[in-house]
């Protein structure tokens, strides 16, 4: 009988090797992320279409009506870096060459800067970085915290909100010390006005609204029975688009800010949308963009070599 020992390599590829025959069996694991769009004003039934036809990963889109550009993360260079394109996925431009794992880019309200997360210098935590498109300079915001959640710009664009171990924290572009706004942990947030921040929480479901002038005042915007996503949602002038999970399927829904009603927009197969993805709306083309999560692909491989014995 041939005995096999099982282990995992650093990339979590399962490996089994024979103790007596010099055979190693393993599987290669590949997961494809792409940015997909849904046309909301189509006169005929539609589905999700890839924005960028490519064999590399693209994810976490965010659109700026001021810059008329889409920002996202791409590994086309071999590393996850910050890229932009026009809203049709053309005129691509790479903006960072950090050779690390950047994540969750967000446009400033005036479309001149991009906030994102990347590992710190020691690769022991992460920092919030700001990319200035005009100067191409990248700065890290002053912080005493080890880890930071997804950035959300203030309405005026002079600061960035992110979740830390202390709660919702405001970080300033002028390098002054950060300020804890509220002890709640934010998942994804959007400033809906100069005094209001709409956000999800990492400890419970639902959509929430905080008064930044009275940060202890937090209201439920959509109940947790109806809103059960942390990351996949976006704020528009008319309302909120968000993902919901159901038995055997996922749905895209729209919450109308005037009527407070929730309407289903599209049904897709379960696990189609990344749990850690982002969603954004392009008013110029009436498109909703999101991260599409392809089904994992695995190849079972057999390697024979005398050194394995």
C-alpha atoms as a PDB file:
ATOM      1  CA  UNK A   1       0.000   0.000   0.000  1.00  0.00           C
ATOM      2  CA  UNK A   2       1.324   3.443  -0.911  1.00  0.00           C
ATOM      3  CA  UNK A   3       1.291   5.943   1.947  1.00  0.00           C
ATOM      4  CA  UNK A   4       0.791   9.662   1.284  1.00  0.00           C
ATOM      5  CA  UNK A   5       1.526  12.602   3.532  1.00  0.00           C
ATOM      6  CA  UNK A   6      -0.653  15.722   3.099  1.00  0.00           C
ATOM      7  CA  UNK A   7       0.492  19.309   3.532  1.00  0.00           C
ATOM      8  CA  UNK A   8      -0.159  22.767   2.141  1.00  0.00           C
ATOM      9  CA  UNK A   9       2.264  25.095   0.451  1.00  0.00           C
ATOM     10  CA  UNK A  10       2.429  28.845   1.102  1.00  0.00           C
ATOM     11  CA  UNK A  11      -0.233  29.529  -1.548  1.00  0.00           C
ATOM     12  CA  UNK A  12      -2.653  27.018   0.019  1.00  0.00           C
ATOM     13  CA  UNK A  13      -2.283  24.480  -2.783  1.00  0.00           C
ATOM     14  CA  UNK A  14      -3.001  21.057  -1.326  1.00  0.00           C
ATOM     15  CA  UNK A  15      -0.094  18.650  -1.726  1.00  0.00           C
ATOM     16  CA  UNK A  16       0.122  14.891  -1.154  1.00  0.00           C
ATOM     17  CA  UNK A  17       3.360  13.004  -1.581  1.00  0.00           C
ATOM     18  CA  UNK A  18       4.187   9.336  -1.485  1.00  0.00           C
ATOM     19  CA  UNK A  19       6.667   8.175   1.117  1.00  0.00           C
ATOM     20  CA  UNK A  20       7.975   5.332  -1.000  1.00  0.00           C
ATOM     21  CA  UNK A  21       7.400   5.970  -4.715  1.00  0.00           C
ATOM     22  CA  UNK A  22       8.756   9.488  -5.197  1.00  0.00           C
ATOM     23  CA  UNK A  23       5.407  10.826  -6.413  1.00  0.00           C
ATOM     24  CA  UNK A  24       3.904  14.180  -5.510  1.00  0.00           C
ATOM     25  CA  UNK A  25       0.257  14.959  -6.224  1.00  0.00           C
ATOM     26  CA  UNK A  26      -0.993  18.533  -5.930  1.00  0.00           C
ATOM     27  CA  UNK A  27      -3.595  20.832  -7.338  1.00  0.00           C
ATOM     28  CA  UNK A  28      -3.092  24.237  -8.857  1.00  0.00           C
ATOM     29  CA  UNK A  29      -5.733  26.708  -7.713  1.00  0.00           C
ATOM     30  CA  UNK A  30      -6.798  29.683  -9.794  1.00  0.00           C
ATOM     31  CA  UNK A  31      -9.562  32.193  -9.173  1.00  0.00           C
ATOM     32  CA  UNK A  32     -10.564  34.782 -11.736  1.00  0.00           C
ATOM     33  CA  UNK A  33     -11.928  38.175 -10.726  1.00  0.00           C
ATOM     34  CA  UNK A  34     -13.291  40.574 -13.303  1.00  0.00           C
ATOM     35  CA  UNK A  35     -15.248  43.794 -13.405  1.00  0.00           C
ATOM     36  CA  UNK A  36     -18.729  43.302 -14.817  1.00  0.00           C
ATOM     37  CA  UNK A  37     -21.433  45.815 -15.628  1.00  0.00           C
ATOM     38  CA  UNK A  38     -25.204  45.794 -15.752  1.00  0.00           C
ATOM     39  CA  UNK A  39     -27.003  48.234 -18.080  1.00  0.00           C
ATOM     40  CA  UNK A  40     -29.859  49.645 -16.040  1.00  0.00           C
ATOM     41  CA  UNK A  41     -31.698  51.431 -18.861  1.00  0.00           C
ATOM     42  CA  UNK A  42     -31.766  48.533 -21.326  1.00  0.00           C
ATOM     43  CA  UNK A  43     -35.083  48.084 -23.137  1.00  0.00           C
ATOM     44  CA  UNK A  44     -34.576  44.325 -23.360  1.00  0.00           C
ATOM     45  CA  UNK A  45     -33.703  41.843 -20.591  1.00  0.00           C
ATOM     46  CA  UNK A  46     -29.976  41.935 -19.927  1.00  0.00           C
ATOM     47  CA  UNK A  47     -27.298  40.286 -17.812  1.00  0.00           C
ATOM     48  CA  UNK A  48     -23.820  41.025 -16.470  1.00  0.00           C
ATOM     49  CA  UNK A  49     -21.175  41.707 -19.115  1.00  0.00           C
ATOM     50  CA  UNK A  50     -17.386  41.863 -18.613  1.00  0.00           C
ATOM     51  CA  UNK A  51     -16.095  45.414 -18.830  1.00  0.00           C
ATOM     52  CA  UNK A  52     -12.543  44.339 -19.611  1.00  0.00           C
ATOM     53  CA  UNK A  53     -11.973  41.226 -21.703  1.00  0.00           C
ATOM     54  CA  UNK A  54      -8.700  40.027 -20.244  1.00  0.00           C
ATOM     55  CA  UNK A  55      -7.071  36.980 -18.692  1.00  0.00           C
ATOM     56  CA  UNK A  56      -5.862  38.933 -15.650  1.00  0.00           C
ATOM     57  CA  UNK A  57      -7.706  39.886 -12.487  1.00  0.00           C
ATOM     58  CA  UNK A  58      -9.545  43.213 -12.173  1.00  0.00           C
ATOM     59  CA  UNK A  59     -11.567  44.075  -9.099  1.00  0.00           C
ATOM     60  CA  UNK A  60     -12.954  46.736  -6.732  1.00  0.00           C
ATOM     61  CA  UNK A  61     -14.126  49.424  -9.190  1.00  0.00           C
ATOM     62  CA  UNK A  62     -14.989  52.989  -8.170  1.00  0.00           C
ATOM     63  CA  UNK A  63     -16.166  55.703 -10.566  1.00  0.00           C
ATOM     64  CA  UNK A  64     -15.667  59.478 -10.405  1.00  0.00           C
ATOM     65  CA  UNK A  65     -18.140  61.796 -12.122  1.00  0.00           C
ATOM     66  CA  UNK A  66     -15.534  64.576 -11.835  1.00  0.00           C
ATOM     67  CA  UNK A  67     -12.617  62.697 -13.374  1.00  0.00           C
ATOM     68  CA  UNK A  68     -14.890  60.698 -15.704  1.00  0.00           C
ATOM     69  CA  UNK A  69     -12.612  57.770 -14.927  1.00  0.00           C
ATOM     70  CA  UNK A  70     -12.934  54.369 -13.340  1.00  0.00           C
ATOM     71  CA  UNK A  71     -10.348  53.278 -10.766  1.00  0.00           C
ATOM     72  CA  UNK A  72      -9.761  49.608  -9.938  1.00  0.00           C
ATOM     73  CA  UNK A  73      -7.159  47.067  -8.858  1.00  0.00           C
ATOM     74  CA  UNK A  74      -5.456  44.990 -11.562  1.00  0.00           C
ATOM     75  CA  UNK A  75      -2.659  42.416 -11.466  1.00  0.00           C
ATOM     76  CA  UNK A  76      -1.779  42.908 -15.128  1.00  0.00           C
ATOM     77  CA  UNK A  77       1.769  43.964 -14.153  1.00  0.00           C
ATOM     78  CA  UNK A  78       2.241  40.891 -11.954  1.00  0.00           C
ATOM     79  CA  UNK A  79       1.241  42.749  -8.786  1.00  0.00           C
ATOM     80  CA  UNK A  80      -2.029  44.209  -7.571  1.00  0.00           C
ATOM     81  CA  UNK A  81      -1.693  47.864  -8.528  1.00  0.00           C
ATOM     82  CA  UNK A  82      -3.950  50.899  -9.030  1.00  0.00           C
ATOM     83  CA  UNK A  83      -5.228  51.382 -12.588  1.00  0.00           C
ATOM     84  CA  UNK A  84      -7.795  53.668 -14.187  1.00  0.00           C
ATOM     85  CA  UNK A  85      -9.776  53.633 -17.422  1.00  0.00           C
ATOM     86  CA  UNK A  86     -12.617  55.560 -19.005  1.00  0.00           C
ATOM     87  CA  UNK A  87     -16.114  54.312 -18.159  1.00  0.00           C
ATOM     88  CA  UNK A  88     -16.063  51.973 -21.161  1.00  0.00           C
ATOM     89  CA  UNK A  89     -12.963  50.181 -19.876  1.00  0.00           C
ATOM     90  CA  UNK A  90     -10.694  51.824 -22.472  1.00  0.00           C
ATOM     91  CA  UNK A  91      -7.691  54.187 -22.236  1.00  0.00           C
ATOM     92  CA  UNK A  92      -6.140  52.179 -19.413  1.00  0.00           C
ATOM     93  CA  UNK A  93      -3.395  53.684 -17.268  1.00  0.00           C
ATOM     94  CA  UNK A  94      -1.330  52.177 -14.443  1.00  0.00           C
ATOM     95  CA  UNK A  95      -0.775  54.611 -11.557  1.00  0.00           C
ATOM     96  CA  UNK A  96       1.220  52.673  -8.957  1.00  0.00           C
ATOM     97  CA  UNK A  97       4.277  50.451  -9.124  1.00  0.00           C
ATOM     98  CA  UNK A  98       4.467  49.487  -5.471  1.00  0.00           C
ATOM     99  CA  UNK A  99       4.924  45.774  -6.264  1.00  0.00           C
ATOM    100  CA  UNK A 100       2.695  44.819  -3.379  1.00  0.00           C
ATOM    101  CA  UNK A 101      -0.995  44.121  -2.746  1.00  0.00           C
ATOM    102  CA  UNK A 102      -2.999  47.336  -2.955  1.00  0.00           C
ATOM    103  CA  UNK A 103      -6.746  47.201  -2.346  1.00  0.00           C
ATOM    104  CA  UNK A 104     -10.042  49.122  -2.266  1.00  0.00           C
ATOM    105  CA  UNK A 105      -9.302  52.347  -4.193  1.00  0.00           C
ATOM    106  CA  UNK A 106     -11.755  55.243  -3.792  1.00  0.00           C
ATOM    107  CA  UNK A 107     -11.927  58.536  -5.682  1.00  0.00           C
ATOM    108  CA  UNK A 108     -11.914  61.837  -3.811  1.00  0.00           C
ATOM    109  CA  UNK A 109     -15.055  63.954  -4.390  1.00  0.00           C
ATOM    110  CA  UNK A 110     -13.210  66.301  -6.771  1.00  0.00           C
ATOM    111  CA  UNK A 111     -11.659  63.462  -8.763  1.00  0.00           C
ATOM    112  CA  UNK A 112      -8.046  64.548  -8.169  1.00  0.00           C
ATOM    113  CA  UNK A 113      -6.955  61.926  -5.626  1.00  0.00           C
ATOM    114  CA  UNK A 114      -7.369  58.219  -4.913  1.00  0.00           C
ATOM    115  CA  UNK A 115      -7.328  56.680  -1.441  1.00  0.00           C
ATOM    116  CA  UNK A 116      -6.377  53.023  -1.093  1.00  0.00           C
ATOM    117  CA  UNK A 117      -5.056  50.413   1.323  1.00  0.00           C
ATOM    118  CA  UNK A 118      -1.635  48.756   1.067  1.00  0.00           C
ATOM    119  CA  UNK A 119       0.738  46.925   3.426  1.00  0.00           C
ATOM    120  CA  UNK A 120       2.938  49.026   5.683  1.00  0.00           C
ATOM    121  CA  UNK A 121       6.713  49.132   5.287  1.00  0.00           C
ATOM    122  CA  UNK A 122       7.222  46.124   7.569  1.00  0.00           C
ATOM    123  CA  UNK A 123       4.367  44.138   6.000  1.00  0.00           C
ATOM    124  CA  UNK A 124       2.923  43.643   9.491  1.00  0.00           C
ATOM    125  CA  UNK A 125      -0.246  45.683   8.967  1.00  0.00           C
ATOM    126  CA  UNK A 126      -1.631  48.160   6.433  1.00  0.00           C
ATOM    127  CA  UNK A 127      -1.845  51.904   5.899  1.00  0.00           C
ATOM    128  CA  UNK A 128      -4.142  54.318   4.107  1.00  0.00           C
ATOM    129  CA  UNK A 129      -2.374  55.879   1.144  1.00  0.00           C
ATOM    130  CA  UNK A 130      -3.364  58.865  -0.980  1.00  0.00           C
ATOM    131  CA  UNK A 131      -2.386  59.099  -4.633  1.00  0.00           C
ATOM    132  CA  UNK A 132      -2.381  62.620  -6.099  1.00  0.00           C
ATOM    133  CA  UNK A 133      -3.120  62.269  -9.815  1.00  0.00           C
ATOM    134  CA  UNK A 134      -1.553  65.596 -10.800  1.00  0.00           C
ATOM    135  CA  UNK A 135       1.786  65.204  -9.000  1.00  0.00           C
ATOM    136  CA  UNK A 136       1.741  61.368  -9.015  1.00  0.00           C
ATOM    137  CA  UNK A 137       2.957  61.504  -5.407  1.00  0.00           C
ATOM    138  CA  UNK A 138       1.794  58.892  -2.899  1.00  0.00           C
ATOM    139  CA  UNK A 139       1.622  59.661   0.822  1.00  0.00           C
ATOM    140  CA  UNK A 140       0.616  57.564   3.823  1.00  0.00           C
ATOM    141  CA  UNK A 141      -1.855  59.216   6.173  1.00  0.00           C
ATOM    142  CA  UNK A 142      -0.692  59.709   9.749  1.00  0.00           C
ATOM    143  CA  UNK A 143      -1.902  56.861  11.931  1.00  0.00           C
ATOM    144  CA  UNK A 144      -0.998  54.994  15.110  1.00  0.00           C
ATOM    145  CA  UNK A 145      -3.169  52.008  14.199  1.00  0.00           C
ATOM    146  CA  UNK A 146      -1.955  48.655  12.942  1.00  0.00           C
ATOM    147  CA  UNK A 147      -4.791  47.904  10.507  1.00  0.00           C
ATOM    148  CA  UNK A 148      -7.277  50.047   8.624  1.00  0.00           C
ATOM    149  CA  UNK A 149     -10.535  49.189   6.888  1.00  0.00           C
ATOM    150  CA  UNK A 150     -11.776  50.378   3.519  1.00  0.00           C
ATOM    151  CA  UNK A 151     -11.415  54.148   3.066  1.00  0.00           C
ATOM    152  CA  UNK A 152     -14.418  56.460   2.665  1.00  0.00           C
ATOM    153  CA  UNK A 153     -13.873  60.098   1.724  1.00  0.00           C
ATOM    154  CA  UNK A 154     -15.492  62.932   3.634  1.00  0.00           C
ATOM    155  CA  UNK A 155     -17.967  65.097   1.736  1.00  0.00           C
ATOM    156  CA  UNK A 156     -15.421  67.942   1.405  1.00  0.00           C
ATOM    157  CA  UNK A 157     -12.565  65.576   0.477  1.00  0.00           C
ATOM    158  CA  UNK A 158     -10.260  66.853   3.236  1.00  0.00           C
ATOM    159  CA  UNK A 159     -10.258  63.647   5.247  1.00  0.00           C
ATOM    160  CA  UNK A 160     -10.872  59.908   4.991  1.00  0.00           C
ATOM    161  CA  UNK A 161     -12.913  57.666   7.279  1.00  0.00           C
ATOM    162  CA  UNK A 162     -11.857  54.078   7.950  1.00  0.00           C
ATOM    163  CA  UNK A 163     -12.438  51.452  10.584  1.00  0.00           C
ATOM    164  CA  UNK A 164      -9.667  50.777  13.133  1.00  0.00           C
ATOM    165  CA  UNK A 165      -9.419  48.894  16.411  1.00  0.00           C
ATOM    166  CA  UNK A 166     -10.889  52.018  18.051  1.00  0.00           C
ATOM    167  CA  UNK A 167     -13.886  52.219  15.687  1.00  0.00           C
ATOM    168  CA  UNK A 168     -14.778  54.647  12.888  1.00  0.00           C
ATOM    169  CA  UNK A 169     -11.748  56.922  12.658  1.00  0.00           C
ATOM    170  CA  UNK A 170     -11.175  60.104  10.646  1.00  0.00           C
ATOM    171  CA  UNK A 171      -7.767  60.577   9.002  1.00  0.00           C
ATOM    172  CA  UNK A 172      -6.676  63.967   7.715  1.00  0.00           C
ATOM    173  CA  UNK A 173      -4.777  64.868   4.578  1.00  0.00           C
ATOM    174  CA  UNK A 174      -2.843  67.615   6.413  1.00  0.00           C
ATOM    175  CA  UNK A 175      -1.134  64.946   8.560  1.00  0.00           C
ATOM    176  CA  UNK A 176      -2.757  65.909  11.864  1.00  0.00           C
ATOM    177  CA  UNK A 177      -3.527  63.164  14.359  1.00  0.00           C
ATOM    178  CA  UNK A 178      -6.579  61.026  13.531  1.00  0.00           C
ATOM    179  CA  UNK A 179      -9.849  61.384  15.430  1.00  0.00           C
ATOM    180  CA  UNK A 180     -12.127  58.569  16.609  1.00  0.00           C
ATOM    181  CA  UNK A 181     -15.673  59.376  15.486  1.00  0.00           C
ATOM    182  CA  UNK A 182     -17.550  56.429  16.948  1.00  0.00           C
ATOM    183  CA  UNK A 183     -16.629  53.076  18.499  1.00  0.00           C
ATOM    184  CA  UNK A 184     -18.608  51.122  15.876  1.00  0.00           C
ATOM    185  CA  UNK A 185     -16.701  49.123  13.247  1.00  0.00           C
ATOM    186  CA  UNK A 186     -17.430  50.246   9.682  1.00  0.00           C
ATOM    187  CA  UNK A 187     -17.385  47.917   6.696  1.00  0.00           C
ATOM    188  CA  UNK A 188     -18.017  50.202   3.692  1.00  0.00           C
ATOM    189  CA  UNK A 189     -19.063  53.837   3.967  1.00  0.00           C
ATOM    190  CA  UNK A 190     -20.178  56.737   1.762  1.00  0.00           C
ATOM    191  CA  UNK A 191     -20.585  60.374   2.779  1.00  0.00           C
ATOM    192  CA  UNK A 192     -24.126  61.324   1.759  1.00  0.00           C
ATOM    193  CA  UNK A 193     -23.690  64.949   2.867  1.00  0.00           C
ATOM    194  CA  UNK A 194     -21.280  67.120   4.856  1.00  0.00           C
ATOM    195  CA  UNK A 195     -22.826  65.859   8.088  1.00  0.00           C
ATOM    196  CA  UNK A 196     -23.938  62.302   7.288  1.00  0.00           C
ATOM    197  CA  UNK A 197     -22.100  59.036   6.675  1.00  0.00           C
ATOM    198  CA  UNK A 198     -23.959  55.968   5.394  1.00  0.00           C
ATOM    199  CA  UNK A 199     -22.176  52.740   6.290  1.00  0.00           C
ATOM    200  CA  UNK A 200     -22.345  49.028   6.943  1.00  0.00           C
ATOM    201  CA  UNK A 201     -21.029  47.391  10.083  1.00  0.00           C
ATOM    202  CA  UNK A 202     -18.722  44.405  10.391  1.00  0.00           C
ATOM    203  CA  UNK A 203     -20.397  43.152  13.564  1.00  0.00           C
ATOM    204  CA  UNK A 204     -24.022  43.118  12.412  1.00  0.00           C
ATOM    205  CA  UNK A 205     -26.141  43.415   9.277  1.00  0.00           C
ATOM    206  CA  UNK A 206     -28.231  46.332   8.084  1.00  0.00           C
ATOM    207  CA  UNK A 207     -27.386  49.776   6.691  1.00  0.00           C
ATOM    208  CA  UNK A 208     -26.687  52.635   9.073  1.00  0.00           C
ATOM    209  CA  UNK A 209     -26.559  56.416   9.121  1.00  0.00           C
ATOM    210  CA  UNK A 210     -24.379  58.456  11.474  1.00  0.00           C
ATOM    211  CA  UNK A 211     -24.670  62.181  12.164  1.00  0.00           C
ATOM    212  CA  UNK A 212     -21.077  63.438  12.025  1.00  0.00           C
ATOM    213  CA  UNK A 213     -21.975  66.534  14.039  1.00  0.00           C
ATOM    214  CA  UNK A 214     -23.461  64.293  16.733  1.00  0.00           C
ATOM    215  CA  UNK A 215     -21.490  61.052  16.253  1.00  0.00           C
ATOM    216  CA  UNK A 216     -23.360  59.276  19.026  1.00  0.00           C
ATOM    217  CA  UNK A 217     -26.540  59.558  16.939  1.00  0.00           C
ATOM    218  CA  UNK A 218     -26.700  56.451  14.735  1.00  0.00           C
ATOM    219  CA  UNK A 219     -29.872  55.456  12.898  1.00  0.00           C
ATOM    220  CA  UNK A 220     -30.924  52.351  10.980  1.00  0.00           C
ATOM    221  CA  UNK A 221     -31.410  53.251   7.319  1.00  0.00           C
ATOM    222  CA  UNK A 222     -32.321  49.731   6.086  1.00  0.00           C
ATOM    223  CA  UNK A 223     -33.181  46.952   8.539  1.00  0.00           C
ATOM    224  CA  UNK A 224     -30.930  43.926   8.890  1.00  0.00           C
ATOM    225  CA  UNK A 225     -33.763  41.697   7.674  1.00  0.00           C
ATOM    226  CA  UNK A 226     -33.559  43.380   4.250  1.00  0.00           C
ATOM    227  CA  UNK A 227     -29.901  44.419   4.023  1.00  0.00           C
ATOM    228  CA  UNK A 228     -27.406  41.609   4.635  1.00  0.00           C
ATOM    229  CA  UNK A 229     -24.276  42.570   2.745  1.00  0.00           C
ATOM    230  CA  UNK A 230     -21.206  44.317   4.107  1.00  0.00           C
ATOM    231  CA  UNK A 231     -19.270  45.220   0.968  1.00  0.00           C
ATOM    232  CA  UNK A 232     -21.371  44.888  -2.182  1.00  0.00           C
ATOM    233  CA  UNK A 233     -23.423  48.073  -2.292  1.00  0.00           C
ATOM    234  CA  UNK A 234     -23.192  51.643  -3.533  1.00  0.00           C
ATOM    235  CA  UNK A 235     -24.893  54.962  -2.887  1.00  0.00           C
ATOM    236  CA  UNK A 236     -26.492  57.032  -5.676  1.00  0.00           C
ATOM    237  CA  UNK A 237     -28.594  60.204  -5.661  1.00  0.00           C
ATOM    238  CA  UNK A 238     -31.774  58.171  -6.117  1.00  0.00           C
ATOM    239  CA  UNK A 239     -31.061  55.368  -3.671  1.00  0.00           C
ATOM    240  CA  UNK A 240     -28.878  52.367  -2.952  1.00  0.00           C
ATOM    241  CA  UNK A 241     -27.970  49.311  -5.018  1.00  0.00           C
ATOM    242  CA  UNK A 242     -26.929  46.253  -3.046  1.00  0.00           C
ATOM    243  CA  UNK A 243     -26.407  42.494  -3.234  1.00  0.00           C
ATOM    244  CA  UNK A 244     -28.419  39.919  -1.296  1.00  0.00           C
ATOM    245  CA  UNK A 245     -27.929  36.155  -0.971  1.00  0.00           C
ATOM    246  CA  UNK A 246     -30.747  33.664  -1.380  1.00  0.00           C
ATOM    247  CA  UNK A 247     -31.010  29.892  -1.688  1.00  0.00           C
ATOM    248  CA  UNK A 248     -29.242  28.970  -4.911  1.00  0.00           C
ATOM    249  CA  UNK A 249     -28.917  32.549  -6.148  1.00  0.00           C
ATOM    250  CA  UNK A 250     -27.777  36.101  -5.542  1.00  0.00           C
ATOM    251  CA  UNK A 251     -29.801  39.216  -6.300  1.00  0.00           C
ATOM    252  CA  UNK A 252     -29.074  42.808  -7.118  1.00  0.00           C
ATOM    253  CA  UNK A 253     -31.605  45.100  -5.459  1.00  0.00           C
ATOM    254  CA  UNK A 254     -32.423  48.795  -5.433  1.00  0.00           C
ATOM    255  CA  UNK A 255     -33.620  50.706  -2.367  1.00  0.00           C
ATOM    256  CA  UNK A 256     -35.501  53.844  -3.431  1.00  0.00           C
ATOM    257  CA  UNK A 257     -34.632  56.770  -1.161  1.00  0.00           C
ATOM    258  CA  UNK A 258     -38.034  58.435  -1.677  1.00  0.00           C
ATOM    259  CA  UNK A 259     -40.418  55.511  -1.348  1.00  0.00           C
ATOM    260  CA  UNK A 260     -38.145  53.415   0.942  1.00  0.00           C
ATOM    261  CA  UNK A 261     -39.157  50.395  -1.154  1.00  0.00           C
ATOM    262  CA  UNK A 262     -36.771  47.632  -2.219  1.00  0.00           C
ATOM    263  CA  UNK A 263     -37.027  46.338  -5.784  1.00  0.00           C
ATOM    264  CA  UNK A 264     -35.125  43.351  -7.241  1.00  0.00           C
ATOM    265  CA  UNK A 265     -33.068  44.248 -10.309  1.00  0.00           C
ATOM    266  CA  UNK A 266     -31.331  41.031 -11.358  1.00  0.00           C
ATOM    267  CA  UNK A 267     -30.880  37.393 -10.347  1.00  0.00           C
ATOM    268  CA  UNK A 268     -27.497  35.705 -10.800  1.00  0.00           C
ATOM    269  CA  UNK A 269     -26.105  32.279  -9.800  1.00  0.00           C
ATOM    270  CA  UNK A 270     -24.941  31.968  -6.227  1.00  0.00           C
ATOM    271  CA  UNK A 271     -21.302  32.958  -5.629  1.00  0.00           C
ATOM    272  CA  UNK A 272     -21.220  35.019  -8.837  1.00  0.00           C
ATOM    273  CA  UNK A 273     -20.435  38.208  -6.923  1.00  0.00           C
ATOM    274  CA  UNK A 274     -17.358  38.408  -4.729  1.00  0.00           C
ATOM    275  CA  UNK A 275     -18.088  38.708  -1.001  1.00  0.00           C
ATOM    276  CA  UNK A 276     -15.196  41.175  -0.774  1.00  0.00           C
ATOM    277  CA  UNK A 277     -16.001  43.029  -3.970  1.00  0.00           C
ATOM    278  CA  UNK A 278     -17.018  46.628  -4.542  1.00  0.00           C
ATOM    279  CA  UNK A 279     -19.900  48.197  -6.418  1.00  0.00           C
ATOM    280  CA  UNK A 280     -20.132  51.544  -8.198  1.00  0.00           C
ATOM    281  CA  UNK A 281     -22.583  53.421 -10.420  1.00  0.00           C
ATOM    282  CA  UNK A 282     -21.820  55.305 -13.662  1.00  0.00           C
ATOM    283  CA  UNK A 283     -24.573  57.884 -14.323  1.00  0.00           C
ATOM    284  CA  UNK A 284     -23.210  58.824 -17.776  1.00  0.00           C
ATOM    285  CA  UNK A 285     -23.938  55.317 -19.097  1.00  0.00           C
ATOM    286  CA  UNK A 286     -26.486  54.209 -16.474  1.00  0.00           C
ATOM    287  CA  UNK A 287     -24.324  51.217 -15.613  1.00  0.00           C
ATOM    288  CA  UNK A 288     -23.827  49.404 -12.350  1.00  0.00           C
ATOM    289  CA  UNK A 289     -20.321  47.933 -11.983  1.00  0.00           C
ATOM    290  CA  UNK A 290     -19.207  45.202  -9.579  1.00  0.00           C
ATOM    291  CA  UNK A 291     -16.576  42.511  -9.023  1.00  0.00           C
ATOM    292  CA  UNK A 292     -17.519  39.201 -10.623  1.00  0.00           C
ATOM    293  CA  UNK A 293     -16.075  36.146  -8.905  1.00  0.00           C
ATOM    294  CA  UNK A 294     -15.409  33.240 -11.273  1.00  0.00           C
ATOM    295  CA  UNK A 295     -15.743  29.691 -10.060  1.00  0.00           C
ATOM    296  CA  UNK A 296     -12.379  28.405  -8.770  1.00  0.00           C
ATOM    297  CA  UNK A 297     -10.409  26.334 -11.256  1.00  0.00           C
ATOM    298  CA  UNK A 298      -8.263  23.427 -10.058  1.00  0.00           C
ATOM    299  CA  UNK A 299      -5.862  21.230 -12.023  1.00  0.00           C
ATOM    300  CA  UNK A 300      -4.733  17.979 -10.381  1.00  0.00           C
ATOM    301  CA  UNK A 301      -1.026  17.476 -11.119  1.00  0.00           C
ATOM    302  CA  UNK A 302       1.334  14.500 -10.640  1.00  0.00           C
ATOM    303  CA  UNK A 303       5.053  15.076 -10.262  1.00  0.00           C
ATOM    304  CA  UNK A 304       7.587  12.221 -10.194  1.00  0.00           C
ATOM    305  CA  UNK A 305      11.190  12.807  -9.157  1.00  0.00           C
ATOM    306  CA  UNK A 306      13.812  10.807  -7.353  1.00  0.00           C
ATOM    307  CA  UNK A 307      14.544  13.683  -4.955  1.00  0.00           C
ATOM    308  CA  UNK A 308      11.010  13.432  -3.551  1.00  0.00           C
ATOM    309  CA  UNK A 309      11.850  10.082  -1.923  1.00  0.00           C
END
